Amino acid sequence: MNELTQLKDAITSTIKQAMPQLHRVEAFPKMLEGVTEPALYFVVTGLDQAADPGDGRSCMRATFEARIRVDPELAQAPMQAAILAAQLLELLRCQQWNLDFVEGATAVWAKPAGTVADPTYRAEWIVQWQQLIYLGQEQWPWADQPPGTLVLGFSPDTGPGHEGDYQSPEHMA
């Protein structure tokens, strides 16, 4: 299972557990038409290259969009949709989905879908957020030096003949 599949599954299960009033939580839906129950659908709407972590993995900034829909015929549809959007916003705060390759959600916002004249405006909200995700495996290309073997020397006591003068960061504290 790749990282994106793990992330999709983690988002789905976390939202289902945190927001049980939603009848459906689904990633990458084929169609949204005809759904009137409280439901949440989410997709990845963009992937941008982010800063290289320098460890062999690729870092991507993923942009997610969730649509929260309620039955527009309900008397309190606008309020119910807004409450569900607010609950999702709260859930997204510092959310990493319990995955070690995902950083906390940032750039989180929510707004009603469509325009005021559009009937779906009352019953559907869009929530968007971004997260850094790390794809691939960490690599250590220096087989003769295991990670954590950093030592420091201070001039003029450096170079050949001064190997015993070098110190690890742990011994300098």
Protein backbone atom coordinates (compact mmCIF):
# COMPACT_ATOMS: atom_id res chain seq x y z
CA MET A 1 0.00 0.00 0.00
CA ASN A 2 1.52 3.35 -0.95
CA GLU A 3 1.49 6.51 1.14
CA LEU A 4 -1.45 8.13 -0.66
CA THR A 5 -3.63 5.06 -0.14
CA GLN A 6 -2.66 4.93 3.54
CA LEU A 7 -3.44 8.63 3.88
CA LYS A 8 -6.85 8.27 2.19
CA ASP A 9 -7.76 5.39 4.50
CA ALA A 10 -6.54 7.25 7.61
CA ILE A 11 -8.48 10.41 6.74
CA THR A 12 -11.64 8.41 6.05
CA SER A 13 -11.51 6.40 9.28
CA THR A 14 -10.56 9.41 11.45
CA ILE A 15 -13.43 11.54 10.11
CA LYS A 16 -15.92 8.66 10.46
CA GLN A 17 -14.90 8.17 14.08
CA ALA A 18 -14.86 11.87 14.98
CA MET A 19 -18.07 12.81 13.13
CA PRO A 20 -20.49 9.87 13.50
CA GLN A 21 -23.47 12.03 12.47
CA LEU A 22 -22.21 11.81 8.86
CA HIS A 23 -23.96 8.97 7.07
CA ARG A 24 -21.21 8.74 4.49
CA VAL A 25 -17.51 9.67 4.34
CA GLU A 26 -15.95 8.90 1.00
CA ALA A 27 -12.73 9.74 -0.83
CA PHE A 28 -12.58 10.43 -4.56
CA PRO A 29 -16.32 9.96 -5.26
CA LYS A 30 -17.45 9.37 -8.83
CA MET A 31 -20.62 11.44 -8.52
CA LEU A 32 -22.10 13.80 -5.96
CA GLU A 33 -25.54 14.23 -7.53
CA GLY A 34 -28.56 12.90 -5.69
CA VAL A 35 -26.90 12.67 -2.28
CA THR A 36 -28.95 14.52 0.34
CA GLU A 37 -27.97 12.87 3.58
CA PRO A 38 -25.29 14.35 5.83
CA ALA A 39 -22.20 13.29 3.91
CA LEU A 40 -18.58 14.30 3.43
CA TYR A 41 -16.58 13.72 0.28
CA PHE A 42 -12.92 14.60 -0.08
CA VAL A 43 -10.32 14.64 -2.85
CA VAL A 44 -6.74 15.68 -3.42
CA THR A 45 -6.99 18.73 -5.67
CA GLY A 46 -3.28 19.38 -6.08
CA LEU A 47 0.25 18.19 -5.39
CA ASP A 48 3.15 20.64 -5.40
CA GLN A 49 6.82 19.91 -4.87
CA ALA A 50 7.90 21.11 -1.41
CA ALA A 51 11.35 21.48 0.14
CA ASP A 52 13.57 18.42 -0.30
CA PRO A 53 14.04 16.79 3.12
CA GLY A 54 17.47 15.52 2.03
CA ASP A 55 16.85 11.96 3.14
CA GLY A 56 15.87 10.29 -0.14
CA ARG A 57 12.14 10.94 0.17
CA SER A 58 10.12 13.43 -1.87
CA CYS A 59 8.13 16.04 -0.01
CA MET A 60 4.83 17.10 -1.57
CA ARG A 61 2.38 19.77 -0.50
CA ALA A 62 -1.01 18.13 -0.95
CA THR A 63 -4.12 20.28 -1.20
CA PHE A 64 -7.33 18.59 -0.07
CA GLU A 65 -10.91 19.65 -0.59
CA ALA A 66 -13.85 18.25 1.34
CA ARG A 67 -17.49 18.87 0.51
CA ILE A 68 -20.01 18.57 3.30
CA ARG A 69 -23.58 18.08 2.10
CA VAL A 70 -26.87 17.99 3.95
CA ASP A 71 -30.45 17.71 2.75
CA PRO A 72 -31.39 21.21 1.50
CA GLU A 73 -35.04 20.53 2.41
CA LEU A 74 -34.26 20.42 6.12
CA ALA A 75 -35.39 23.54 7.96
CA GLN A 76 -31.97 23.95 9.57
CA ALA A 77 -29.91 22.88 6.53
CA PRO A 78 -27.70 26.01 6.45
CA MET A 79 -26.94 25.75 10.16
CA GLN A 80 -26.35 21.99 10.04
CA ALA A 81 -23.92 22.35 7.12
CA ALA A 82 -22.06 25.18 8.88
CA ILE A 83 -21.82 23.18 12.12
CA LEU A 84 -20.42 20.15 10.30
CA ALA A 85 -17.87 22.36 8.52
CA ALA A 86 -16.81 23.86 11.86
CA GLN A 87 -16.42 20.37 13.34
CA LEU A 88 -14.17 19.38 10.45
CA LEU A 89 -12.12 22.56 10.90
CA GLU A 90 -11.59 21.67 14.55
CA LEU A 91 -10.64 18.09 13.65
CA LEU A 92 -8.05 19.37 11.15
CA ARG A 93 -6.21 21.43 13.78
CA CYS A 94 -2.68 19.93 13.96
CA GLN A 95 -4.05 16.75 12.34
CA GLN A 96 -1.50 14.22 11.09
CA TRP A 97 -3.91 11.27 10.82
CA ASN A 98 -1.56 9.18 13.04
CA LEU A 99 0.87 8.77 10.13
CA ASP A 100 4.59 9.44 10.47
CA PHE A 101 4.96 10.66 6.88
CA VAL A 102 2.36 13.44 7.17
CA GLU A 103 2.78 16.87 8.77
CA GLY A 104 -0.04 18.80 10.42
CA ALA A 105 -2.77 20.43 8.35
CA THR A 106 -2.21 24.08 7.38
CA ALA A 107 -3.99 26.75 5.32
CA VAL A 108 -7.37 25.48 6.54
CA TRP A 109 -10.50 27.35 5.49
CA ALA A 110 -14.21 26.75 4.92
CA LYS A 111 -16.98 28.50 3.03
CA PRO A 112 -20.41 27.76 1.59
CA ALA A 113 -20.40 26.25 -1.89
CA GLY A 114 -21.79 28.20 -4.83
CA THR A 115 -23.42 31.61 -4.67
CA VAL A 116 -26.15 32.95 -2.41
CA ALA A 117 -28.72 32.53 -5.21
CA ASP A 118 -27.76 28.86 -5.66
CA PRO A 119 -29.89 26.45 -3.54
CA THR A 120 -26.83 24.28 -2.81
CA TYR A 121 -25.27 27.30 -1.13
CA ARG A 122 -27.52 26.62 1.83
CA ALA A 123 -26.77 22.93 2.20
CA GLU A 124 -23.16 22.43 1.11
CA TRP A 125 -19.86 23.70 2.47
CA ILE A 126 -16.34 23.38 1.10
CA VAL A 127 -13.42 22.84 3.48
CA GLN A 128 -9.88 23.03 2.11
CA TRP A 129 -6.52 22.33 3.73
CA GLN A 130 -2.92 21.55 2.87
CA GLN A 131 -0.51 19.00 4.30
CA LEU A 132 3.10 18.09 3.64
CA ILE A 133 3.47 14.41 2.84
CA TYR A 134 6.71 12.50 2.43
CA LEU A 135 6.77 9.87 -0.32
CA GLY A 136 9.27 7.05 -0.67
CA GLN A 137 11.80 5.51 1.68
CA GLU A 138 14.47 7.27 3.68
CA GLN A 139 17.93 6.54 2.33
CA TRP A 140 21.40 6.79 3.85
CA PRO A 141 23.89 6.75 0.94
CA TRP A 142 27.02 6.50 3.12
CA ALA A 143 27.34 2.79 3.90
CA ASP A 144 30.61 3.26 5.81
CA GLN A 145 29.08 5.83 8.20
CA PRO A 146 25.98 4.90 10.13
CA PRO A 147 23.61 7.72 11.02
CA GLY A 148 24.55 9.52 14.22
CA THR A 149 28.35 9.41 13.85
CA LEU A 150 28.78 13.19 13.68
CA VAL A 151 31.86 14.50 15.48
CA LEU A 152 33.10 18.06 15.74
CA GLY A 153 36.61 19.45 15.80
CA PHE A 154 37.77 22.97 16.57
CA SER A 155 40.60 24.70 14.78
CA PRO A 156 43.55 24.41 15.07
CA ASP A 157 43.07 20.88 16.51
CA THR A 158 41.57 19.30 13.38
CA GLY A 159 42.70 16.98 10.63
CA PRO A 160 45.12 14.03 10.62
CA GLY A 161 46.78 13.50 13.96
CA HIS A 162 43.95 15.15 15.89
CA GLU A 163 41.32 12.42 15.61
CA GLY A 164 41.21 12.07 19.40
CA ASP A 165 40.36 15.77 19.80
CA TYR A 166 37.01 15.46 18.00
CA GLN A 167 33.87 15.33 20.16
CA SER A 168 30.33 14.13 19.57
CA PRO A 169 27.56 16.68 20.14
CA GLU A 170 26.29 14.59 23.07
CA HIS A 171 29.61 15.01 24.93
CA MET A 172 29.61 18.78 24.45
CA ALA A 173 26.39 19.41 26.39
